Amino acid sequence: MPPLVAYSTSDLAGLGASRYVVELLKARRCSVRGVAECFESDTVTVAGFDVDVVDLDQYSWFLNNFDYIVVLSRHRAESGRKTLSVHHPGNPTREAHGGEPLRLAIAYPALAWELLRAYARISSEQGLEGYEVTLEATHHGPTSLEVPVVFIEIGSTEVEWRDEKARYAMACTVVDVISRRPGSCRAVAAIGGPHYPSRYTRYSLEGDMCFGHIIARHSIASEHLEIVAAQAVLRNYPEPTRTLVVEKKSLNREQRDIVARVAGELGVVVEYI
């Protein structure tokens, strides 16, 4: 099946970028009962939904028919930080914002890597100034789809969501990446670091390390770390990661012991940074 580009019809950034995606793909309008709007080209389907993208689990009957899903979305932050970001969805704590608590979606490290690198290149080529291209830590839903999901976002206020240059850069990035197979990279999961993990972003932009789930230090709690760490390793496409990158200062001794035990049971290598 082809990939799907998804967005919410109430999302200013996602809806705006979707119009450029449809134009670039020369996609034709289609109709799916229960889906707000639909377009398709020979290789890609583009679909808009009348719910927030964090709640896309309720459309599993439709979404699970695709190879993978790229979600066009706004990013909101109280800081107002101007960002062009990429991340995987999941709720690594007992608090869920869409989806289920303590549940991570299926990540696609190589796809996220390609999106991040293309976003950086294309935004630079198009003269889009003032934005930071960055990975984000895993957060929010959907969490239960049976196919990989990657979010590409514009943040962090309505000014940026309405920025036509940012919308166009997002659309060009997505069309560029989904038109080819992801390249070869070293897939890892990560634990520790801030929500905007500058070190992990640098590793991805400058090298071949591609990140699946990133569990930020503010989401780490000993009582559920074993569950979350195991999912961060296992919930990846096309196979579990073989390396778990850990920012040592983000974890206490008990938490490092938990991670070491999980890694040992799963047969993966822990790299402390």
C-alpha atoms as a PDB file:
ATOM      1  CA  MET A   1       0.000   0.000   0.000  1.00  0.00           C
ATOM      2  CA  PRO A   2       1.112   3.606  -0.529  1.00  0.00           C
ATOM      3  CA  PRO A   3       2.048   5.975   2.274  1.00  0.00           C
ATOM      4  CA  LEU A   4      -0.536   8.357   3.714  1.00  0.00           C
ATOM      5  CA  VAL A   5      -0.120  12.051   4.435  1.00  0.00           C
ATOM      6  CA  ALA A   6      -2.615  12.986   7.162  1.00  0.00           C
ATOM      7  CA  TYR A   7      -3.750  16.228   8.779  1.00  0.00           C
ATOM      8  CA  SER A   8      -6.611  17.755  10.739  1.00  0.00           C
ATOM      9  CA  THR A   9      -8.936  20.085   8.844  1.00  0.00           C
ATOM     10  CA  SER A  10      -8.920  22.387  11.907  1.00  0.00           C
ATOM     11  CA  ASP A  11      -5.108  22.594  12.054  1.00  0.00           C
ATOM     12  CA  LEU A  12      -3.864  25.794  10.424  1.00  0.00           C
ATOM     13  CA  ALA A  13      -0.361  24.486   9.746  1.00  0.00           C
ATOM     14  CA  GLY A  14      -1.353  20.999   8.645  1.00  0.00           C
ATOM     15  CA  LEU A  15      -4.278  22.096   6.467  1.00  0.00           C
ATOM     16  CA  GLY A  16      -2.230  24.876   4.869  1.00  0.00           C
ATOM     17  CA  ALA A  17       0.668  22.557   4.072  1.00  0.00           C
ATOM     18  CA  SER A  18      -1.687  19.879   2.747  1.00  0.00           C
ATOM     19  CA  ARG A  19      -2.830  22.190  -0.036  1.00  0.00           C
ATOM     20  CA  TYR A  20       0.727  22.480  -1.283  1.00  0.00           C
ATOM     21  CA  VAL A  21       1.233  18.703  -0.976  1.00  0.00           C
ATOM     22  CA  VAL A  22      -1.842  18.077  -3.126  1.00  0.00           C
ATOM     23  CA  GLU A  23      -0.643  20.634  -5.676  1.00  0.00           C
ATOM     24  CA  LEU A  24       2.900  19.248  -5.837  1.00  0.00           C
ATOM     25  CA  LEU A  25       1.632  15.685  -6.224  1.00  0.00           C
ATOM     26  CA  LYS A  26      -1.070  16.704  -8.715  1.00  0.00           C
ATOM     27  CA  ALA A  27      -3.345  14.565  -6.569  1.00  0.00           C
ATOM     28  CA  ARG A  28      -6.959  13.937  -7.518  1.00  0.00           C
ATOM     29  CA  ARG A  29      -9.870  14.300  -5.141  1.00  0.00           C
ATOM     30  CA  CYS A  30     -11.252  11.021  -3.825  1.00  0.00           C
ATOM     31  CA  SER A  31     -13.962  10.039  -1.376  1.00  0.00           C
ATOM     32  CA  VAL A  32     -13.853   7.819   1.698  1.00  0.00           C
ATOM     33  CA  ARG A  33     -16.901   7.553   3.929  1.00  0.00           C
ATOM     34  CA  GLY A  34     -16.107   9.007   7.344  1.00  0.00           C
ATOM     35  CA  VAL A  35     -13.010  10.893   6.152  1.00  0.00           C
ATOM     36  CA  ALA A  36     -13.423  14.678   5.841  1.00  0.00           C
ATOM     37  CA  GLU A  37     -11.434  15.023   2.622  1.00  0.00           C
ATOM     38  CA  CYS A  38      -9.260  12.813   0.501  1.00  0.00           C
ATOM     39  CA  PHE A  39      -6.843  13.154  -2.427  1.00  0.00           C
ATOM     40  CA  GLU A  40      -4.718  10.577  -4.195  1.00  0.00           C
ATOM     41  CA  SER A  41      -1.926  10.390  -6.721  1.00  0.00           C
ATOM     42  CA  ASP A  42      -0.510   7.236  -8.253  1.00  0.00           C
ATOM     43  CA  THR A  43       1.776   6.723  -5.239  1.00  0.00           C
ATOM     44  CA  VAL A  44       0.411   8.687  -2.250  1.00  0.00           C
ATOM     45  CA  THR A  45      -2.893   9.290  -0.479  1.00  0.00           C
ATOM     46  CA  VAL A  46      -3.531  12.600   1.312  1.00  0.00           C
ATOM     47  CA  ALA A  47      -6.381  12.700   3.832  1.00  0.00           C
ATOM     48  CA  GLY A  48      -7.857  15.272   6.196  1.00  0.00           C
ATOM     49  CA  PHE A  49      -9.763  14.376   9.351  1.00  0.00           C
ATOM     50  CA  ASP A  50     -12.251  16.326  11.435  1.00  0.00           C
ATOM     51  CA  VAL A  51     -10.515  15.452  14.721  1.00  0.00           C
ATOM     52  CA  ASP A  52      -7.245  16.621  16.195  1.00  0.00           C
ATOM     53  CA  VAL A  53      -4.359  14.553  14.891  1.00  0.00           C
ATOM     54  CA  VAL A  54      -3.568  13.271  18.400  1.00  0.00           C
ATOM     55  CA  ASP A  55      -6.880  11.363  18.212  1.00  0.00           C
ATOM     56  CA  LEU A  56      -6.287   9.573  14.911  1.00  0.00           C
ATOM     57  CA  ASP A  57      -6.489   6.171  16.633  1.00  0.00           C
ATOM     58  CA  GLN A  58     -10.241   6.284  16.076  1.00  0.00           C
ATOM     59  CA  TYR A  59      -9.593   6.052  12.326  1.00  0.00           C
ATOM     60  CA  SER A  60      -7.570   2.845  12.589  1.00  0.00           C
ATOM     61  CA  TRP A  61     -10.032   1.108  10.241  1.00  0.00           C
ATOM     62  CA  PHE A  62      -8.708   3.387   7.496  1.00  0.00           C
ATOM     63  CA  LEU A  63      -5.187   4.282   8.576  1.00  0.00           C
ATOM     64  CA  ASN A  64      -3.954   0.726   9.120  1.00  0.00           C
ATOM     65  CA  ASN A  65      -4.267   0.104   5.378  1.00  0.00           C
ATOM     66  CA  PHE A  66      -1.176   2.199   4.553  1.00  0.00           C
ATOM     67  CA  ASP A  67       2.535   1.432   4.674  1.00  0.00           C
ATOM     68  CA  TYR A  68       3.222   4.395   6.946  1.00  0.00           C
ATOM     69  CA  ILE A  69       1.744   7.754   7.901  1.00  0.00           C
ATOM     70  CA  VAL A  70       3.302  11.213   7.863  1.00  0.00           C
ATOM     71  CA  VAL A  71       1.223  13.678   9.874  1.00  0.00           C
ATOM     72  CA  LEU A  72       1.295  17.388   9.012  1.00  0.00           C
ATOM     73  CA  SER A  73       0.742  19.336  12.203  1.00  0.00           C
ATOM     74  CA  ARG A  74       1.146  22.537  14.165  1.00  0.00           C
ATOM     75  CA  HIS A  75       3.339  22.538  17.246  1.00  0.00           C
ATOM     76  CA  ARG A  76       2.304  24.605  20.234  1.00  0.00           C
ATOM     77  CA  ALA A  77       4.743  25.841  22.879  1.00  0.00           C
ATOM     78  CA  GLU A  78       4.325  28.509  25.533  1.00  0.00           C
ATOM     79  CA  SER A  79       7.861  29.675  24.783  1.00  0.00           C
ATOM     80  CA  GLY A  80       6.813  30.715  21.280  1.00  0.00           C
ATOM     81  CA  ARG A  81       9.938  29.055  19.929  1.00  0.00           C
ATOM     82  CA  LYS A  82       9.983  29.080  16.098  1.00  0.00           C
ATOM     83  CA  THR A  83      10.551  25.479  15.080  1.00  0.00           C
ATOM     84  CA  LEU A  84      10.380  23.110  12.167  1.00  0.00           C
ATOM     85  CA  SER A  85      10.281  19.784  13.949  1.00  0.00           C
ATOM     86  CA  VAL A  86       9.995  16.032  13.521  1.00  0.00           C
ATOM     87  CA  HIS A  87       8.995  13.488  16.146  1.00  0.00           C
ATOM     88  CA  HIS A  88       7.260  10.201  16.850  1.00  0.00           C
ATOM     89  CA  PRO A  89       4.022   9.981  18.823  1.00  0.00           C
ATOM     90  CA  GLY A  90       3.542   8.207  22.127  1.00  0.00           C
ATOM     91  CA  ASN A  91       2.679   8.796  25.766  1.00  0.00           C
ATOM     92  CA  PRO A  92       5.683   7.822  27.918  1.00  0.00           C
ATOM     93  CA  THR A  93       3.903   8.735  31.172  1.00  0.00           C
ATOM     94  CA  ARG A  94       0.572   7.996  32.826  1.00  0.00           C
ATOM     95  CA  GLU A  95      -0.776  11.260  31.413  1.00  0.00           C
ATOM     96  CA  ALA A  96      -2.133  10.824  27.905  1.00  0.00           C
ATOM     97  CA  HIS A  97      -2.756  13.568  25.375  1.00  0.00           C
ATOM     98  CA  GLY A  98      -4.568  11.492  22.818  1.00  0.00           C
ATOM     99  CA  GLY A  99      -4.032   7.739  22.676  1.00  0.00           C
ATOM    100  CA  GLU A 100      -3.269   5.562  25.688  1.00  0.00           C
ATOM    101  CA  PRO A 101      -1.010   6.265  28.668  1.00  0.00           C
ATOM    102  CA  LEU A 102       2.321   4.426  28.775  1.00  0.00           C
ATOM    103  CA  ARG A 103       1.939   3.464  25.133  1.00  0.00           C
ATOM    104  CA  LEU A 104       4.295   4.354  22.284  1.00  0.00           C
ATOM    105  CA  ALA A 105       3.339   4.312  18.613  1.00  0.00           C
ATOM    106  CA  ILE A 106       5.369   2.423  16.025  1.00  0.00           C
ATOM    107  CA  ALA A 107       8.360   4.607  15.131  1.00  0.00           C
ATOM    108  CA  TYR A 108      10.133   4.745  11.770  1.00  0.00           C
ATOM    109  CA  PRO A 109      13.662   6.017  12.515  1.00  0.00           C
ATOM    110  CA  ALA A 110      14.890   6.109   8.911  1.00  0.00           C
ATOM    111  CA  LEU A 111      11.848   8.056   7.744  1.00  0.00           C
ATOM    112  CA  ALA A 112      12.149  10.582  10.593  1.00  0.00           C
ATOM    113  CA  TRP A 113      15.855  10.967   9.750  1.00  0.00           C
ATOM    114  CA  GLU A 114      15.096  11.693   6.114  1.00  0.00           C
ATOM    115  CA  LEU A 115      12.358  14.187   7.019  1.00  0.00           C
ATOM    116  CA  LEU A 116      14.602  16.059   9.449  1.00  0.00           C
ATOM    117  CA  ARG A 117      17.491  16.307   7.007  1.00  0.00           C
ATOM    118  CA  ALA A 118      15.255  17.311   4.103  1.00  0.00           C
ATOM    119  CA  TYR A 119      13.448  19.901   6.282  1.00  0.00           C
ATOM    120  CA  ALA A 120      16.813  21.482   7.141  1.00  0.00           C
ATOM    121  CA  ARG A 121      17.995  21.481   3.538  1.00  0.00           C
ATOM    122  CA  ILE A 122      14.781  22.694   1.936  1.00  0.00           C
ATOM    123  CA  SER A 123      14.066  25.430   4.490  1.00  0.00           C
ATOM    124  CA  SER A 124      17.605  26.726   3.912  1.00  0.00           C
ATOM    125  CA  GLU A 125      17.295  26.553   0.117  1.00  0.00           C
ATOM    126  CA  GLN A 126      14.014  28.431   0.262  1.00  0.00           C
ATOM    127  CA  GLY A 127      15.434  31.165   2.488  1.00  0.00           C
ATOM    128  CA  LEU A 128      13.158  30.398   5.438  1.00  0.00           C
ATOM    129  CA  GLU A 129      14.830  32.352   8.237  1.00  0.00           C
ATOM    130  CA  GLY A 130      14.460  32.398  11.990  1.00  0.00           C
ATOM    131  CA  TYR A 131      13.305  28.806  12.443  1.00  0.00           C
ATOM    132  CA  GLU A 132      15.147  26.066  14.322  1.00  0.00           C
ATOM    133  CA  VAL A 133      15.069  22.641  12.668  1.00  0.00           C
ATOM    134  CA  THR A 134      14.901  20.097  15.459  1.00  0.00           C
ATOM    135  CA  LEU A 135      13.865  16.678  16.623  1.00  0.00           C
ATOM    136  CA  GLU A 136      11.371  16.549  19.467  1.00  0.00           C
ATOM    137  CA  ALA A 137      10.964  13.972  22.165  1.00  0.00           C
ATOM    138  CA  THR A 138       8.141  11.457  21.897  1.00  0.00           C
ATOM    139  CA  HIS A 139       4.811  12.917  23.005  1.00  0.00           C
ATOM    140  CA  HIS A 140       1.015  12.723  22.491  1.00  0.00           C
ATOM    141  CA  GLY A 141      -1.142  10.336  20.468  1.00  0.00           C
ATOM    142  CA  PRO A 142      -2.008   8.460  18.367  1.00  0.00           C
ATOM    143  CA  THR A 143      -0.489   5.414  20.038  1.00  0.00           C
ATOM    144  CA  SER A 144      -2.294   2.277  18.862  1.00  0.00           C
ATOM    145  CA  LEU A 145      -2.118   2.262  15.072  1.00  0.00           C
ATOM    146  CA  GLU A 146      -0.556  -0.835  13.523  1.00  0.00           C
ATOM    147  CA  VAL A 147       1.621   1.119  11.078  1.00  0.00           C
ATOM    148  CA  PRO A 148       4.522   3.542  11.640  1.00  0.00           C
ATOM    149  CA  VAL A 149       3.667   7.198  12.285  1.00  0.00           C
ATOM    150  CA  VAL A 150       5.938  10.263  12.065  1.00  0.00           C
ATOM    151  CA  PHE A 151       4.893  13.859  12.771  1.00  0.00           C
ATOM    152  CA  ILE A 152       6.329  16.853  10.913  1.00  0.00           C
ATOM    153  CA  GLU A 153       5.409  20.173  12.484  1.00  0.00           C
ATOM    154  CA  ILE A 154       5.557  23.972  12.385  1.00  0.00           C
ATOM    155  CA  GLY A 155       5.768  25.799  15.698  1.00  0.00           C
ATOM    156  CA  SER A 156       4.929  27.384  17.874  1.00  0.00           C
ATOM    157  CA  THR A 157       2.247  30.095  17.516  1.00  0.00           C
ATOM    158  CA  GLU A 158      -0.485  31.021  15.077  1.00  0.00           C
ATOM    159  CA  VAL A 159       1.907  33.407  13.339  1.00  0.00           C
ATOM    160  CA  GLU A 160       4.128  30.476  12.307  1.00  0.00           C
ATOM    161  CA  TRP A 161       1.172  28.183  11.543  1.00  0.00           C
ATOM    162  CA  ARG A 162      -0.022  30.761   9.004  1.00  0.00           C
ATOM    163  CA  ASP A 163       3.428  31.311   7.519  1.00  0.00           C
ATOM    164  CA  GLU A 164       3.081  30.308   3.851  1.00  0.00           C
ATOM    165  CA  LYS A 165       6.823  29.869   3.467  1.00  0.00           C
ATOM    166  CA  ALA A 166       6.911  27.421   6.385  1.00  0.00           C
ATOM    167  CA  ARG A 167       3.864  25.575   5.059  1.00  0.00           C
ATOM    168  CA  TYR A 168       5.473  25.281   1.622  1.00  0.00           C
ATOM    169  CA  ALA A 169       8.777  24.080   3.082  1.00  0.00           C
ATOM    170  CA  MET A 170       6.908  21.406   5.039  1.00  0.00           C
ATOM    171  CA  ALA A 171       5.035  20.289   1.931  1.00  0.00           C
ATOM    172  CA  CYS A 172       8.176  20.182  -0.217  1.00  0.00           C
ATOM    173  CA  THR A 173       9.949  18.182   2.467  1.00  0.00           C
ATOM    174  CA  VAL A 174       7.209  15.575   2.681  1.00  0.00           C
ATOM    175  CA  VAL A 175       6.821  15.215  -1.087  1.00  0.00           C
ATOM    176  CA  ASP A 176      10.590  14.898  -1.483  1.00  0.00           C
ATOM    177  CA  VAL A 177      10.930  12.195   1.168  1.00  0.00           C
ATOM    178  CA  ILE A 178       7.910  10.042   0.354  1.00  0.00           C
ATOM    179  CA  SER A 179       8.929   9.917  -3.306  1.00  0.00           C
ATOM    180  CA  ARG A 180      11.903   7.688  -2.490  1.00  0.00           C
ATOM    181  CA  ARG A 181      12.939   4.932  -0.132  1.00  0.00           C
ATOM    182  CA  PRO A 182      14.636   6.067   3.085  1.00  0.00           C
ATOM    183  CA  GLY A 183      18.419   5.784   3.068  1.00  0.00           C
ATOM    184  CA  SER A 184      20.540   3.626   5.304  1.00  0.00           C
ATOM    185  CA  CYS A 185      21.121   4.866   8.850  1.00  0.00           C
ATOM    186  CA  ARG A 186      21.916   3.525  12.315  1.00  0.00           C
ATOM    187  CA  ALA A 187      18.598   3.287  14.121  1.00  0.00           C
ATOM    188  CA  VAL A 188      18.590   3.974  17.852  1.00  0.00           C
ATOM    189  CA  ALA A 189      16.145   4.745  20.646  1.00  0.00           C
ATOM    190  CA  ALA A 190      17.075   7.358  23.249  1.00  0.00           C
ATOM    191  CA  ILE A 191      16.399   8.072  26.897  1.00  0.00           C
ATOM    192  CA  GLY A 192      17.205  11.412  28.472  1.00  0.00           C
ATOM    193  CA  GLY A 193      17.805  14.924  27.298  1.00  0.00           C
ATOM    194  CA  PRO A 194      15.384  17.855  26.899  1.00  0.00           C
ATOM    195  CA  HIS A 195      12.201  17.993  24.847  1.00  0.00           C
ATOM    196  CA  TYR A 196      14.146  19.664  22.046  1.00  0.00           C
ATOM    197  CA  PRO A 197      17.195  17.357  22.069  1.00  0.00           C
ATOM    198  CA  SER A 198      19.848  19.459  20.339  1.00  0.00           C
ATOM    199  CA  ARG A 199      22.537  16.788  20.703  1.00  0.00           C
ATOM    200  CA  TYR A 200      20.394  14.087  19.082  1.00  0.00           C
ATOM    201  CA  THR A 201      19.377  16.529  16.360  1.00  0.00           C
ATOM    202  CA  ARG A 202      23.014  17.258  15.618  1.00  0.00           C
ATOM    203  CA  TYR A 203      23.850  13.543  15.452  1.00  0.00           C
ATOM    204  CA  SER A 204      21.045  13.095  12.892  1.00  0.00           C
ATOM    205  CA  LEU A 205      21.891  16.110  10.749  1.00  0.00           C
ATOM    206  CA  GLU A 206      25.628  15.511  10.710  1.00  0.00           C
ATOM    207  CA  GLY A 207      25.844  11.724  10.745  1.00  0.00           C
ATOM    208  CA  ASP A 208      23.999   8.468  10.149  1.00  0.00           C
ATOM    209  CA  MET A 209      22.321   8.070  13.551  1.00  0.00           C
ATOM    210  CA  CYS A 210      18.541   8.033  13.172  1.00  0.00           C
ATOM    211  CA  PHE A 211      16.242   8.188  16.164  1.00  0.00           C
ATOM    212  CA  GLY A 212      13.057   6.314  16.872  1.00  0.00           C
ATOM    213  CA  HIS A 213      11.525   7.119  20.229  1.00  0.00           C
ATOM    214  CA  ILE A 214      13.196   9.757  22.391  1.00  0.00           C
ATOM    215  CA  ILE A 215      12.102   9.697  26.038  1.00  0.00           C
ATOM    216  CA  ALA A 216      12.838  13.138  27.466  1.00  0.00           C
ATOM    217  CA  ARG A 217      14.212  13.426  30.990  1.00  0.00           C
ATOM    218  CA  HIS A 218      11.011  15.100  32.236  1.00  0.00           C
ATOM    219  CA  SER A 219       9.101  11.916  31.273  1.00  0.00           C
ATOM    220  CA  ILE A 220      11.390   9.502  33.131  1.00  0.00           C
ATOM    221  CA  ALA A 221       9.996   7.886  36.283  1.00  0.00           C
ATOM    222  CA  SER A 222      11.351   4.715  37.853  1.00  0.00           C
ATOM    223  CA  GLU A 223       7.936   3.102  38.354  1.00  0.00           C
ATOM    224  CA  HIS A 224       7.216   2.887  34.620  1.00  0.00           C
ATOM    225  CA  LEU A 225      10.685   3.174  33.074  1.00  0.00           C
ATOM    226  CA  GLU A 226      10.932  -0.560  32.360  1.00  0.00           C
ATOM    227  CA  ILE A 227       7.698  -0.540  30.339  1.00  0.00           C
ATOM    228  CA  VAL A 228       8.616   2.581  28.393  1.00  0.00           C
ATOM    229  CA  ALA A 229      12.246   1.630  27.720  1.00  0.00           C
ATOM    230  CA  ALA A 230      11.210  -1.757  26.328  1.00  0.00           C
ATOM    231  CA  GLN A 231       8.674  -0.150  23.993  1.00  0.00           C
ATOM    232  CA  ALA A 232      11.227   2.447  22.858  1.00  0.00           C
ATOM    233  CA  VAL A 233      13.401  -0.438  21.668  1.00  0.00           C
ATOM    234  CA  LEU A 234      10.692  -2.724  20.316  1.00  0.00           C
ATOM    235  CA  ARG A 235       8.138  -0.353  18.768  1.00  0.00           C
ATOM    236  CA  ASN A 236      10.151   0.443  15.644  1.00  0.00           C
ATOM    237  CA  TYR A 237       9.860  -0.292  11.942  1.00  0.00           C
ATOM    238  CA  PRO A 238      11.146  -2.392  10.258  1.00  0.00           C
ATOM    239  CA  GLU A 239      12.737  -4.003  13.321  1.00  0.00           C
ATOM    240  CA  PRO A 240      13.610  -3.243  16.943  1.00  0.00           C
ATOM    241  CA  THR A 241      16.556  -0.927  17.449  1.00  0.00           C
ATOM    242  CA  ARG A 242      19.838  -2.553  18.447  1.00  0.00           C
ATOM    243  CA  THR A 243      21.125   0.430  20.417  1.00  0.00           C
ATOM    244  CA  LEU A 244      19.716   2.476  23.276  1.00  0.00           C
ATOM    245  CA  VAL A 245      21.368   5.888  23.663  1.00  0.00           C
ATOM    246  CA  VAL A 246      21.178   7.189  27.235  1.00  0.00           C
ATOM    247  CA  GLU A 247      22.057  10.650  28.475  1.00  0.00           C
ATOM    248  CA  LYS A 248      23.635   9.554  31.732  1.00  0.00           C
ATOM    249  CA  LYS A 249      23.016  12.731  33.720  1.00  0.00           C
ATOM    250  CA  SER A 250      19.263  12.492  33.080  1.00  0.00           C
ATOM    251  CA  LEU A 251      18.940   9.267  35.084  1.00  0.00           C
ATOM    252  CA  ASN A 252      19.757   8.376  38.670  1.00  0.00           C
ATOM    253  CA  ARG A 253      21.512   5.151  39.627  1.00  0.00           C
ATOM    254  CA  GLU A 254      18.288   3.199  40.090  1.00  0.00           C
ATOM    255  CA  GLN A 255      17.024   4.284  36.691  1.00  0.00           C
ATOM    256  CA  ARG A 256      20.298   3.435  34.968  1.00  0.00           C
ATOM    257  CA  ASP A 257      20.092  -0.044  36.517  1.00  0.00           C
ATOM    258  CA  ILE A 258      16.554  -0.458  35.160  1.00  0.00           C
ATOM    259  CA  VAL A 259      17.649   0.547  31.666  1.00  0.00           C
ATOM    260  CA  ALA A 260      20.642  -1.796  31.818  1.00  0.00           C
ATOM    261  CA  ARG A 261      18.395  -4.680  32.837  1.00  0.00           C
ATOM    262  CA  VAL A 262      15.898  -4.021  30.037  1.00  0.00           C
ATOM    263  CA  ALA A 263      18.703  -3.714  27.495  1.00  0.00           C
ATOM    264  CA  GLY A 264      20.217  -6.971  28.667  1.00  0.00           C
ATOM    265  CA  GLU A 265      16.908  -8.800  28.415  1.00  0.00           C
ATOM    266  CA  LEU A 266      16.341  -7.454  24.886  1.00  0.00           C
ATOM    267  CA  GLY A 267      19.907  -7.960  23.733  1.00  0.00           C
ATOM    268  CA  VAL A 268      20.593  -4.325  22.823  1.00  0.00           C
ATOM    269  CA  VAL A 269      23.649  -2.174  23.465  1.00  0.00           C
ATOM    270  CA  VAL A 270      23.494   0.842  25.789  1.00  0.00           C
ATOM    271  CA  GLU A 271      25.554   3.857  24.728  1.00  0.00           C
ATOM    272  CA  TYR A 272      25.962   6.471  27.463  1.00  0.00           C
ATOM    273  CA  ILE A 273      26.571  10.056  26.418  1.00  0.00           C
END
